[in-house]
């Protein structure tokens, strides 16, 4: 379950009125439309090419969707261990299995290549994760496991940010997490 929608907005201020109207009509929370998405690693102009028309609201707000394999490709490109990117991958795969429409590695591979040209910008561990997730029989349990790990990572980063304001950024966040997790693990190990 996602709590916002990523948006590419190219229009006048009238579109903001339409967005607010749609939000009010469907009782959506403020910020339901994420326009910062275009500044993330997962954004690519090719999204328009691989998205599908869904509906037009109020005559001005056109909504397009991407299929599951493209959404997974975007989650892999972002690959944030402190957000829900990894558990979202597991959740999407799990939902498709539950509906009797399992995804394949070939579909996800094609989506990655369509959007980003290759796997070069995606860590090998995330490519391996896709294969691992596709092979796992108990995807709901795997989903819960990754959600827990993401929550732990987020808590670690929040604590780090309180102790070291304005130090963490996109370039060093994984190194900070690795170091903090190793430190926590060594504290949790019993003395010999």
N, C-alpha and C. Protein backbone atom coordinates (compact mmCIF):
# COMPACT_ATOMS: atom_id res chain seq x y z
N UNK A 1 0.85 -1.18 0.00
CA UNK A 1 0.00 0.00 0.00
C UNK A 1 0.88 1.23 0.00
N UNK A 2 0.68 2.09 -0.97
CA UNK A 2 1.45 3.32 -1.02
C UNK A 2 0.63 4.46 -0.44
N UNK A 3 1.30 5.45 0.10
CA UNK A 3 0.61 6.55 0.75
C UNK A 3 0.68 7.84 -0.04
N UNK A 4 1.36 7.81 -1.17
CA UNK A 4 1.40 8.99 -2.02
C UNK A 4 1.53 8.53 -3.46
N UNK A 5 1.44 9.49 -4.36
CA UNK A 5 1.62 9.21 -5.77
C UNK A 5 2.74 10.11 -6.26
N UNK A 6 3.63 9.55 -7.07
CA UNK A 6 4.67 10.36 -7.67
C UNK A 6 4.07 11.08 -8.86
N UNK A 7 4.50 12.33 -9.08
CA UNK A 7 3.88 13.13 -10.13
C UNK A 7 4.90 13.92 -10.92
N UNK A 8 4.64 14.02 -12.20
CA UNK A 8 5.39 14.90 -13.09
C UNK A 8 4.38 15.97 -13.50
N UNK A 9 4.60 17.19 -13.06
CA UNK A 9 3.63 18.25 -13.33
C UNK A 9 4.24 19.25 -14.30
N UNK A 10 3.57 19.43 -15.42
CA UNK A 10 4.01 20.43 -16.39
C UNK A 10 2.78 21.23 -16.82
N UNK A 11 2.40 22.16 -15.97
CA UNK A 11 1.21 22.96 -16.27
C UNK A 11 1.20 24.22 -15.41
N UNK A 12 0.17 25.01 -15.60
CA UNK A 12 0.03 26.27 -14.86
C UNK A 12 -0.48 26.02 -13.45
N UNK A 13 -0.75 27.11 -12.74
CA UNK A 13 -1.26 26.99 -11.37
C UNK A 13 -2.66 26.37 -11.34
N UNK A 14 -3.34 26.34 -12.47
CA UNK A 14 -4.67 25.71 -12.52
C UNK A 14 -4.58 24.23 -12.16
N UNK A 15 -3.45 23.62 -12.46
CA UNK A 15 -3.30 22.20 -12.13
C UNK A 15 -3.30 22.00 -10.62
N UNK A 16 -2.74 22.95 -9.88
CA UNK A 16 -2.74 22.83 -8.42
C UNK A 16 -4.15 22.86 -7.86
N UNK A 17 -4.99 23.69 -8.46
CA UNK A 17 -6.40 23.71 -8.05
C UNK A 17 -7.05 22.36 -8.33
N UNK A 18 -6.75 21.79 -9.48
CA UNK A 18 -7.32 20.48 -9.84
C UNK A 18 -6.82 19.40 -8.89
N UNK A 19 -5.54 19.46 -8.54
CA UNK A 19 -4.96 18.49 -7.60
C UNK A 19 -5.66 18.60 -6.25
N UNK A 20 -5.82 19.83 -5.77
CA UNK A 20 -6.51 20.02 -4.49
C UNK A 20 -7.95 19.55 -4.55
N UNK A 21 -8.61 19.81 -5.68
CA UNK A 21 -10.01 19.37 -5.85
C UNK A 21 -10.09 17.85 -5.79
N UNK A 22 -9.20 17.18 -6.50
CA UNK A 22 -9.18 15.70 -6.49
C UNK A 22 -8.89 15.20 -5.08
N UNK A 23 -7.91 15.81 -4.41
CA UNK A 23 -7.58 15.42 -3.04
C UNK A 23 -8.76 15.57 -2.10
N UNK A 24 -9.46 16.70 -2.22
CA UNK A 24 -10.65 16.92 -1.38
C UNK A 24 -11.75 15.92 -1.69
N UNK A 25 -12.00 15.72 -2.97
CA UNK A 25 -13.07 14.82 -3.41
C UNK A 25 -12.87 13.39 -2.90
N UNK A 26 -11.61 12.94 -2.92
CA UNK A 26 -11.32 11.56 -2.52
C UNK A 26 -10.74 11.46 -1.11
N UNK A 27 -10.81 12.57 -0.36
CA UNK A 27 -10.36 12.62 1.03
C UNK A 27 -8.92 12.12 1.18
N UNK A 28 -8.05 12.62 0.31
CA UNK A 28 -6.64 12.25 0.35
C UNK A 28 -5.89 13.21 1.27
N UNK A 29 -4.81 12.74 1.90
CA UNK A 29 -4.05 13.62 2.80
C UNK A 29 -3.28 14.67 2.01
N UNK A 30 -2.97 15.80 2.66
CA UNK A 30 -2.11 16.80 2.02
C UNK A 30 -0.80 16.14 1.64
N UNK A 31 -0.26 16.53 0.52
CA UNK A 31 1.00 15.94 0.06
C UNK A 31 0.81 14.61 -0.64
N UNK A 32 -0.43 14.27 -0.99
CA UNK A 32 -0.69 12.98 -1.63
C UNK A 32 -0.03 12.88 -3.00
N UNK A 33 0.28 14.03 -3.59
CA UNK A 33 0.93 14.04 -4.89
C UNK A 33 2.37 14.49 -4.71
N UNK A 34 3.31 13.60 -4.92
CA UNK A 34 4.72 13.83 -4.66
C UNK A 34 5.41 14.38 -5.91
N UNK A 35 5.61 15.69 -5.94
CA UNK A 35 6.27 16.30 -7.09
C UNK A 35 7.79 16.30 -6.97
N UNK A 36 8.31 16.00 -5.77
CA UNK A 36 9.76 15.89 -5.59
C UNK A 36 10.32 14.67 -6.30
N UNK A 37 9.46 13.78 -6.70
CA UNK A 37 9.84 12.55 -7.37
C UNK A 37 10.78 12.80 -8.56
N UNK A 38 10.58 13.90 -9.29
CA UNK A 38 11.40 14.16 -10.48
C UNK A 38 12.86 14.45 -10.12
N UNK A 39 13.15 14.66 -8.84
CA UNK A 39 14.53 14.90 -8.40
C UNK A 39 15.17 13.66 -7.76
N UNK A 40 14.52 12.51 -7.88
CA UNK A 40 15.07 11.29 -7.29
C UNK A 40 15.85 10.49 -8.33
N UNK A 41 16.63 9.52 -7.84
CA UNK A 41 17.40 8.66 -8.73
C UNK A 41 16.51 7.80 -9.62
N UNK A 42 15.33 7.49 -9.15
CA UNK A 42 14.47 6.59 -9.92
C UNK A 42 13.77 7.28 -11.09
N UNK A 43 13.75 8.61 -11.08
CA UNK A 43 13.08 9.32 -12.16
C UNK A 43 13.87 9.20 -13.46
N UNK A 44 13.16 9.00 -14.53
CA UNK A 44 13.73 9.04 -15.87
C UNK A 44 12.65 9.56 -16.82
N UNK A 45 13.02 10.38 -17.79
CA UNK A 45 12.03 10.86 -18.75
C UNK A 45 11.35 9.72 -19.52
N UNK A 46 11.96 8.55 -19.53
CA UNK A 46 11.38 7.41 -20.24
C UNK A 46 10.12 6.88 -19.56
N UNK A 47 9.83 7.32 -18.35
CA UNK A 47 8.62 6.87 -17.65
C UNK A 47 7.36 7.14 -18.46
N UNK A 48 7.31 8.28 -19.12
CA UNK A 48 6.13 8.61 -19.93
C UNK A 48 5.93 7.55 -21.01
N UNK A 49 7.02 7.15 -21.62
CA UNK A 49 6.97 6.17 -22.71
C UNK A 49 6.43 4.81 -22.24
N UNK A 50 6.74 4.44 -21.00
CA UNK A 50 6.36 3.12 -20.51
C UNK A 50 5.19 3.15 -19.52
N UNK A 51 4.56 4.30 -19.41
CA UNK A 51 3.37 4.38 -18.56
C UNK A 51 2.12 4.22 -19.43
N UNK A 52 1.00 3.99 -18.75
CA UNK A 52 -0.27 3.75 -19.44
C UNK A 52 -1.30 4.76 -18.94
N UNK A 53 -2.06 5.31 -19.86
CA UNK A 53 -3.12 6.25 -19.49
C UNK A 53 -4.12 5.56 -18.58
N UNK A 54 -4.51 6.24 -17.49
CA UNK A 54 -5.51 5.71 -16.57
C UNK A 54 -6.81 6.53 -16.65
N UNK A 55 -6.71 7.84 -16.36
CA UNK A 55 -7.93 8.64 -16.28
C UNK A 55 -7.56 10.12 -16.24
N UNK A 56 -8.50 10.96 -16.66
CA UNK A 56 -8.34 12.41 -16.54
C UNK A 56 -9.38 12.92 -15.55
N UNK A 57 -8.91 13.69 -14.57
CA UNK A 57 -9.78 14.25 -13.53
C UNK A 57 -9.99 15.74 -13.78
N UNK A 58 -11.19 16.20 -13.59
CA UNK A 58 -11.54 17.62 -13.70
C UNK A 58 -11.09 18.23 -15.02
N UNK A 59 -10.92 17.42 -16.02
CA UNK A 59 -10.55 17.91 -17.34
C UNK A 59 -9.12 18.38 -17.50
N UNK A 60 -8.32 18.36 -16.42
CA UNK A 60 -6.95 18.86 -16.53
C UNK A 60 -5.89 17.96 -15.91
N UNK A 61 -6.27 17.08 -15.01
CA UNK A 61 -5.29 16.22 -14.33
C UNK A 61 -5.33 14.83 -14.97
N UNK A 62 -4.30 14.52 -15.75
CA UNK A 62 -4.21 13.23 -16.40
C UNK A 62 -3.35 12.31 -15.55
N UNK A 63 -3.87 11.14 -15.25
CA UNK A 63 -3.15 10.16 -14.43
C UNK A 63 -2.73 9.01 -15.33
N UNK A 64 -1.45 8.67 -15.22
CA UNK A 64 -0.89 7.53 -15.93
C UNK A 64 -0.31 6.59 -14.90
N UNK A 65 -0.25 5.32 -15.20
CA UNK A 65 0.29 4.33 -14.26
C UNK A 65 1.42 3.56 -14.92
N UNK A 66 2.22 2.93 -14.09
CA UNK A 66 3.24 2.01 -14.60
C UNK A 66 2.91 0.62 -14.07
N UNK A 67 3.26 -0.37 -14.85
CA UNK A 67 3.00 -1.75 -14.43
C UNK A 67 3.99 -2.15 -13.33
N UNK A 68 3.69 -3.26 -12.70
CA UNK A 68 4.45 -3.71 -11.53
C UNK A 68 5.94 -3.83 -11.79
N UNK A 69 6.32 -4.40 -12.92
CA UNK A 69 7.75 -4.59 -13.18
C UNK A 69 8.48 -3.26 -13.32
N UNK A 70 7.81 -2.23 -13.84
CA UNK A 70 8.44 -0.91 -13.94
C UNK A 70 8.52 -0.24 -12.57
N UNK A 71 7.53 -0.44 -11.76
CA UNK A 71 7.57 0.08 -10.39
C UNK A 71 8.70 -0.59 -9.61
N UNK A 72 8.86 -1.89 -9.80
CA UNK A 72 9.97 -2.60 -9.15
C UNK A 72 11.31 -2.04 -9.63
N UNK A 73 11.43 -1.81 -10.94
CA UNK A 73 12.67 -1.24 -11.48
C UNK A 73 12.98 0.10 -10.82
N UNK A 74 11.96 0.92 -10.63
CA UNK A 74 12.15 2.22 -9.99
C UNK A 74 12.55 2.07 -8.53
N UNK A 75 11.95 1.12 -7.83
CA UNK A 75 12.30 0.86 -6.43
C UNK A 75 13.75 0.38 -6.32
N UNK A 76 14.17 -0.46 -7.27
CA UNK A 76 15.55 -0.95 -7.26
C UNK A 76 16.53 0.19 -7.54
N UNK A 77 16.16 1.08 -8.44
CA UNK A 77 17.03 2.22 -8.76
C UNK A 77 17.21 3.11 -7.54
N UNK A 78 16.12 3.35 -6.81
CA UNK A 78 16.22 4.14 -5.57
C UNK A 78 16.97 3.36 -4.51
N UNK A 79 16.54 2.12 -4.28
CA UNK A 79 17.23 1.20 -3.38
C UNK A 79 17.49 1.72 -1.98
N UNK A 80 16.60 2.52 -1.43
CA UNK A 80 16.83 3.11 -0.11
C UNK A 80 16.46 2.11 0.98
N UNK A 81 17.43 1.77 1.80
CA UNK A 81 17.23 0.79 2.88
C UNK A 81 16.49 1.38 4.06
N UNK A 82 16.33 2.68 4.10
CA UNK A 82 15.68 3.35 5.21
C UNK A 82 14.26 3.81 4.84
N UNK A 83 13.87 3.56 3.62
CA UNK A 83 12.49 3.84 3.19
C UNK A 83 11.84 2.48 2.96
N UNK A 84 10.81 2.42 2.16
CA UNK A 84 10.13 1.14 1.93
C UNK A 84 10.44 0.54 0.57
N UNK A 85 11.56 0.92 -0.03
CA UNK A 85 11.85 0.45 -1.37
C UNK A 85 11.97 -1.07 -1.45
N UNK A 86 12.71 -1.67 -0.53
CA UNK A 86 12.95 -3.12 -0.60
C UNK A 86 11.68 -3.88 -0.25
N UNK A 87 11.02 -3.49 0.82
CA UNK A 87 9.77 -4.18 1.18
C UNK A 87 8.70 -3.97 0.10
N UNK A 88 8.72 -2.83 -0.57
CA UNK A 88 7.78 -2.62 -1.67
C UNK A 88 8.02 -3.62 -2.79
N UNK A 89 9.29 -3.88 -3.10
CA UNK A 89 9.61 -4.88 -4.13
C UNK A 89 9.02 -6.23 -3.72
N UNK A 90 9.27 -6.63 -2.48
CA UNK A 90 8.75 -7.91 -1.98
C UNK A 90 7.22 -7.90 -2.01
N UNK A 91 6.61 -6.81 -1.58
CA UNK A 91 5.16 -6.70 -1.54
C UNK A 91 4.52 -6.79 -2.92
N UNK A 92 5.13 -6.13 -3.90
CA UNK A 92 4.60 -6.17 -5.26
C UNK A 92 4.67 -7.59 -5.82
N UNK A 93 5.82 -8.23 -5.63
CA UNK A 93 5.98 -9.62 -6.09
C UNK A 93 4.98 -10.52 -5.39
N UNK A 94 4.83 -10.34 -4.09
CA UNK A 94 3.91 -11.15 -3.29
C UNK A 94 2.46 -10.99 -3.77
N UNK A 95 2.05 -9.75 -4.00
CA UNK A 95 0.68 -9.49 -4.46
C UNK A 95 0.41 -10.14 -5.81
N UNK A 96 1.38 -10.06 -6.69
CA UNK A 96 1.19 -10.68 -8.02
C UNK A 96 1.10 -12.20 -7.91
N UNK A 97 1.89 -12.77 -7.02
CA UNK A 97 1.79 -14.22 -6.80
C UNK A 97 0.41 -14.58 -6.26
N UNK A 98 -0.07 -13.81 -5.29
CA UNK A 98 -1.36 -14.08 -4.66
C UNK A 98 -2.51 -13.99 -5.68
N UNK A 99 -2.35 -13.13 -6.68
CA UNK A 99 -3.38 -12.98 -7.71
C UNK A 99 -3.22 -13.99 -8.85
N UNK A 100 -2.22 -14.89 -8.72
CA UNK A 100 -2.00 -15.88 -9.77
C UNK A 100 -1.33 -15.32 -11.01
N UNK A 101 -0.66 -14.17 -10.85
CA UNK A 101 0.04 -13.54 -11.97
C UNK A 101 1.49 -13.27 -11.58
N UNK A 102 2.25 -14.33 -11.30
CA UNK A 102 3.62 -14.12 -10.81
C UNK A 102 4.49 -13.38 -11.83
N UNK A 103 5.33 -12.51 -11.30
CA UNK A 103 6.29 -11.79 -12.12
C UNK A 103 7.52 -12.66 -12.35
N UNK A 104 8.22 -12.39 -13.43
CA UNK A 104 9.45 -13.13 -13.73
C UNK A 104 10.64 -12.18 -13.71
N UNK A 105 11.82 -12.76 -13.57
CA UNK A 105 13.03 -11.94 -13.63
C UNK A 105 13.13 -11.28 -15.01
N UNK A 106 12.75 -11.99 -16.06
CA UNK A 106 12.82 -11.44 -17.42
C UNK A 106 11.99 -10.16 -17.55
N UNK A 107 10.81 -10.13 -16.94
CA UNK A 107 9.96 -8.93 -16.99
C UNK A 107 10.63 -7.76 -16.27
N UNK A 108 11.19 -8.04 -15.11
CA UNK A 108 11.84 -6.99 -14.32
C UNK A 108 13.11 -6.52 -15.02
N UNK A 109 13.87 -7.45 -15.57
CA UNK A 109 15.09 -7.12 -16.31
C UNK A 109 14.76 -6.20 -17.49
N UNK A 110 13.71 -6.53 -18.23
CA UNK A 110 13.30 -5.70 -19.36
C UNK A 110 12.92 -4.30 -18.89
N UNK A 111 12.20 -4.21 -17.79
CA UNK A 111 11.79 -2.90 -17.26
C UNK A 111 13.00 -2.06 -16.86
N UNK A 112 13.97 -2.69 -16.18
CA UNK A 112 15.19 -1.97 -15.80
C UNK A 112 15.90 -1.45 -17.04
N UNK A 113 16.04 -2.30 -18.04
CA UNK A 113 16.73 -1.89 -19.27
C UNK A 113 15.93 -0.84 -20.05
N UNK A 114 14.62 -0.97 -20.07
CA UNK A 114 13.79 0.04 -20.75
C UNK A 114 13.95 1.41 -20.11
N UNK A 115 13.91 1.46 -18.79
CA UNK A 115 13.95 2.74 -18.09
C UNK A 115 15.36 3.31 -17.96
N UNK A 116 16.35 2.45 -17.70
CA UNK A 116 17.68 2.94 -17.33
C UNK A 116 18.80 2.48 -18.26
N UNK A 117 18.47 1.70 -19.29
CA UNK A 117 19.48 1.26 -20.25
C UNK A 117 20.22 0.01 -19.85
N UNK A 118 20.46 -0.16 -18.56
CA UNK A 118 21.19 -1.33 -18.05
C UNK A 118 21.01 -1.37 -16.53
N UNK A 119 21.65 -2.37 -15.92
CA UNK A 119 21.64 -2.50 -14.46
C UNK A 119 22.80 -1.72 -13.82
N UNK A 120 23.57 -1.00 -14.60
CA UNK A 120 24.79 -0.35 -14.10
C UNK A 120 24.57 0.55 -12.89
N UNK A 121 23.47 1.27 -12.82
CA UNK A 121 23.23 2.18 -11.70
C UNK A 121 22.55 1.54 -10.52
N UNK A 122 22.39 0.21 -10.56
CA UNK A 122 21.71 -0.51 -9.48
C UNK A 122 22.71 -1.47 -8.85
N UNK A 123 22.90 -1.41 -7.54
CA UNK A 123 23.87 -2.31 -6.89
C UNK A 123 23.57 -3.79 -7.18
N UNK A 124 24.63 -4.56 -7.37
CA UNK A 124 24.49 -6.00 -7.67
C UNK A 124 23.67 -6.71 -6.59
N UNK A 125 23.81 -6.27 -5.34
CA UNK A 125 23.06 -6.92 -4.25
C UNK A 125 21.55 -6.79 -4.46
N UNK A 126 21.11 -5.69 -5.07
CA UNK A 126 19.67 -5.52 -5.33
C UNK A 126 19.22 -6.37 -6.51
N UNK A 127 20.09 -6.52 -7.50
CA UNK A 127 19.76 -7.43 -8.61
C UNK A 127 19.63 -8.85 -8.08
N UNK A 128 20.54 -9.25 -7.21
CA UNK A 128 20.47 -10.58 -6.60
C UNK A 128 19.23 -10.72 -5.71
N UNK A 129 18.85 -9.63 -5.06
CA UNK A 129 17.67 -9.64 -4.21
C UNK A 129 16.42 -10.01 -5.01
N UNK A 130 16.31 -9.50 -6.23
CA UNK A 130 15.15 -9.81 -7.06
C UNK A 130 15.04 -11.31 -7.27
N UNK A 131 16.14 -11.95 -7.63
CA UNK A 131 16.14 -13.40 -7.84
C UNK A 131 15.76 -14.11 -6.55
N UNK A 132 16.33 -13.68 -5.44
CA UNK A 132 16.04 -14.27 -4.14
C UNK A 132 14.55 -14.16 -3.81
N UNK A 133 13.99 -12.97 -3.97
CA UNK A 133 12.57 -12.74 -3.65
C UNK A 133 11.67 -13.60 -4.54
N UNK A 134 11.98 -13.65 -5.82
CA UNK A 134 11.16 -14.44 -6.74
C UNK A 134 11.14 -15.92 -6.37
N UNK A 135 12.23 -16.41 -5.77
CA UNK A 135 12.34 -17.83 -5.42
C UNK A 135 11.74 -18.17 -4.06
N UNK A 136 11.51 -17.19 -3.21
CA UNK A 136 11.05 -17.46 -1.85
C UNK A 136 9.58 -17.90 -1.82
N UNK A 137 9.28 -18.98 -1.10
CA UNK A 137 7.89 -19.43 -1.03
C UNK A 137 7.02 -18.58 -0.10
N UNK A 138 7.59 -18.06 1.00
CA UNK A 138 6.80 -17.32 1.98
C UNK A 138 7.08 -15.83 1.85
N UNK A 139 6.53 -15.23 0.81
CA UNK A 139 6.79 -13.82 0.56
C UNK A 139 6.19 -12.88 1.61
N UNK A 140 5.01 -13.18 2.17
CA UNK A 140 4.50 -12.29 3.23
C UNK A 140 5.44 -12.20 4.44
N UNK A 141 6.04 -13.32 4.84
CA UNK A 141 6.99 -13.30 5.96
C UNK A 141 8.25 -12.52 5.57
N UNK A 142 8.68 -12.69 4.33
CA UNK A 142 9.85 -11.96 3.84
C UNK A 142 9.56 -10.46 3.82
N UNK A 143 8.36 -10.10 3.41
CA UNK A 143 7.93 -8.70 3.42
C UNK A 143 8.05 -8.12 4.83
N UNK A 144 7.52 -8.82 5.81
CA UNK A 144 7.58 -8.34 7.20
C UNK A 144 9.02 -8.20 7.67
N UNK A 145 9.86 -9.13 7.28
CA UNK A 145 11.27 -9.07 7.66
C UNK A 145 11.93 -7.80 7.12
N UNK A 146 11.71 -7.53 5.83
CA UNK A 146 12.31 -6.33 5.23
C UNK A 146 11.71 -5.05 5.78
N UNK A 147 10.42 -5.04 6.07
CA UNK A 147 9.81 -3.86 6.69
C UNK A 147 10.48 -3.58 8.04
N UNK A 148 10.73 -4.63 8.80
CA UNK A 148 11.41 -4.47 10.09
C UNK A 148 12.81 -3.92 9.94
N UNK A 149 13.55 -4.43 8.95
CA UNK A 149 14.91 -3.95 8.70
C UNK A 149 14.90 -2.49 8.26
N UNK A 150 13.93 -2.13 7.42
CA UNK A 150 13.83 -0.74 6.97
C UNK A 150 13.49 0.19 8.13
N UNK A 151 12.62 -0.24 9.00
CA UNK A 151 12.27 0.57 10.18
C UNK A 151 13.49 0.75 11.07
N UNK A 152 14.24 -0.34 11.27
CA UNK A 152 15.45 -0.25 12.07
C UNK A 152 16.44 0.74 11.44
N UNK A 153 16.61 0.66 10.13
CA UNK A 153 17.52 1.57 9.43
C UNK A 153 17.05 3.01 9.56
N UNK A 154 15.76 3.24 9.41
CA UNK A 154 15.22 4.59 9.55
C UNK A 154 15.46 5.13 10.96
N UNK A 155 15.22 4.30 11.97
CA UNK A 155 15.44 4.71 13.36
C UNK A 155 16.91 5.06 13.60
N UNK A 156 17.81 4.25 13.05
CA UNK A 156 19.24 4.51 13.19
C UNK A 156 19.60 5.85 12.57
N UNK A 157 19.07 6.11 11.37
CA UNK A 157 19.38 7.38 10.70
C UNK A 157 18.78 8.58 11.42
N UNK A 158 17.59 8.42 11.98
CA UNK A 158 16.99 9.51 12.76
C UNK A 158 17.84 9.83 13.98
N UNK A 159 18.31 8.79 14.66
CA UNK A 159 19.18 9.00 15.83
C UNK A 159 20.50 9.65 15.40
N UNK A 160 21.05 9.17 14.30
CA UNK A 160 22.29 9.75 13.79
C UNK A 160 22.09 11.24 13.47
N UNK A 161 20.98 11.56 12.82
CA UNK A 161 20.69 12.94 12.45
C UNK A 161 20.54 13.83 13.68
N UNK A 162 19.98 13.30 14.76
CA UNK A 162 19.86 14.08 16.00
C UNK A 162 21.24 14.36 16.58
N UNK A 163 22.12 13.37 16.52
CA UNK A 163 23.47 13.52 17.09
C UNK A 163 24.43 14.25 16.17
N UNK A 164 24.19 14.17 14.87
CA UNK A 164 25.08 14.78 13.87
C UNK A 164 24.24 15.47 12.79
N UNK A 165 23.65 16.62 13.11
CA UNK A 165 22.77 17.29 12.16
C UNK A 165 23.47 17.63 10.84
N UNK A 166 22.74 17.47 9.76
CA UNK A 166 23.18 17.87 8.42
C UNK A 166 24.44 17.15 7.93
N UNK A 167 24.72 15.96 8.44
CA UNK A 167 25.88 15.20 7.97
C UNK A 167 25.46 14.16 6.94
N UNK A 168 24.38 13.46 7.21
CA UNK A 168 23.92 12.39 6.31
C UNK A 168 23.37 12.98 5.02
N UNK A 169 23.74 12.34 3.92
CA UNK A 169 23.20 12.72 2.62
C UNK A 169 23.15 11.48 1.73
N UNK A 170 22.64 11.64 0.54
CA UNK A 170 22.46 10.51 -0.37
C UNK A 170 23.77 9.77 -0.64
N UNK A 171 24.90 10.49 -0.61
CA UNK A 171 26.19 9.88 -0.93
C UNK A 171 26.79 9.07 0.20
N UNK A 172 26.43 9.38 1.46
CA UNK A 172 27.07 8.67 2.58
C UNK A 172 26.10 7.88 3.46
N UNK A 173 24.81 7.91 3.13
CA UNK A 173 23.82 7.30 4.01
C UNK A 173 24.03 5.79 4.17
N UNK A 174 24.41 5.10 3.10
CA UNK A 174 24.62 3.66 3.21
C UNK A 174 25.83 3.33 4.08
N UNK A 175 26.89 4.13 3.96
CA UNK A 175 28.08 3.91 4.80
C UNK A 175 27.74 4.17 6.27
N UNK A 176 26.96 5.20 6.54
CA UNK A 176 26.54 5.50 7.91
C UNK A 176 25.72 4.33 8.47
N UNK A 177 24.80 3.83 7.67
CA UNK A 177 23.97 2.69 8.11
C UNK A 177 24.82 1.46 8.39
N UNK A 178 25.74 1.14 7.48
CA UNK A 178 26.60 -0.04 7.66
C UNK A 178 27.39 0.06 8.96
N UNK A 179 27.99 1.21 9.19
CA UNK A 179 28.79 1.41 10.39
C UNK A 179 27.93 1.29 11.65
N UNK A 180 26.77 1.92 11.64
CA UNK A 180 25.88 1.88 12.80
C UNK A 180 25.37 0.46 13.05
N UNK A 181 25.05 -0.27 11.99
CA UNK A 181 24.56 -1.64 12.15
C UNK A 181 25.66 -2.56 12.69
N UNK A 182 26.90 -2.37 12.21
CA UNK A 182 28.03 -3.17 12.74
C UNK A 182 28.24 -2.87 14.22
N UNK A 183 28.16 -1.59 14.57
CA UNK A 183 28.33 -1.18 15.96
C UNK A 183 27.24 -1.79 16.84
N UNK A 184 26.00 -1.75 16.37
CA UNK A 184 24.88 -2.33 17.11
C UNK A 184 25.04 -3.84 17.25
N UNK A 185 25.47 -4.47 16.18
CA UNK A 185 25.65 -5.92 16.19
C UNK A 185 26.74 -6.33 17.18
N UNK A 186 27.83 -5.57 17.23
CA UNK A 186 28.90 -5.91 18.16
C UNK A 186 28.46 -5.70 19.62
N UNK A 187 27.58 -4.73 19.86
CA UNK A 187 27.03 -4.53 21.21
C UNK A 187 26.13 -5.68 21.61
N UNK A 188 25.38 -6.21 20.63
CA UNK A 188 24.40 -7.27 20.90
C UNK A 188 25.03 -8.65 21.06
N UNK A 189 26.27 -8.81 20.56
CA UNK A 189 26.92 -10.12 20.66
C UNK A 189 27.35 -10.38 22.10
N UNK A 190 27.12 -11.60 22.59
CA UNK A 190 27.55 -11.92 23.96
C UNK A 190 29.08 -12.00 24.04
N UNK A 191 29.61 -11.61 25.19
CA UNK A 191 31.06 -11.69 25.38
C UNK A 191 31.47 -13.14 25.55
N UNK A 192 32.66 -13.45 25.05
CA UNK A 192 33.15 -14.84 25.12
C UNK A 192 34.16 -15.02 26.20
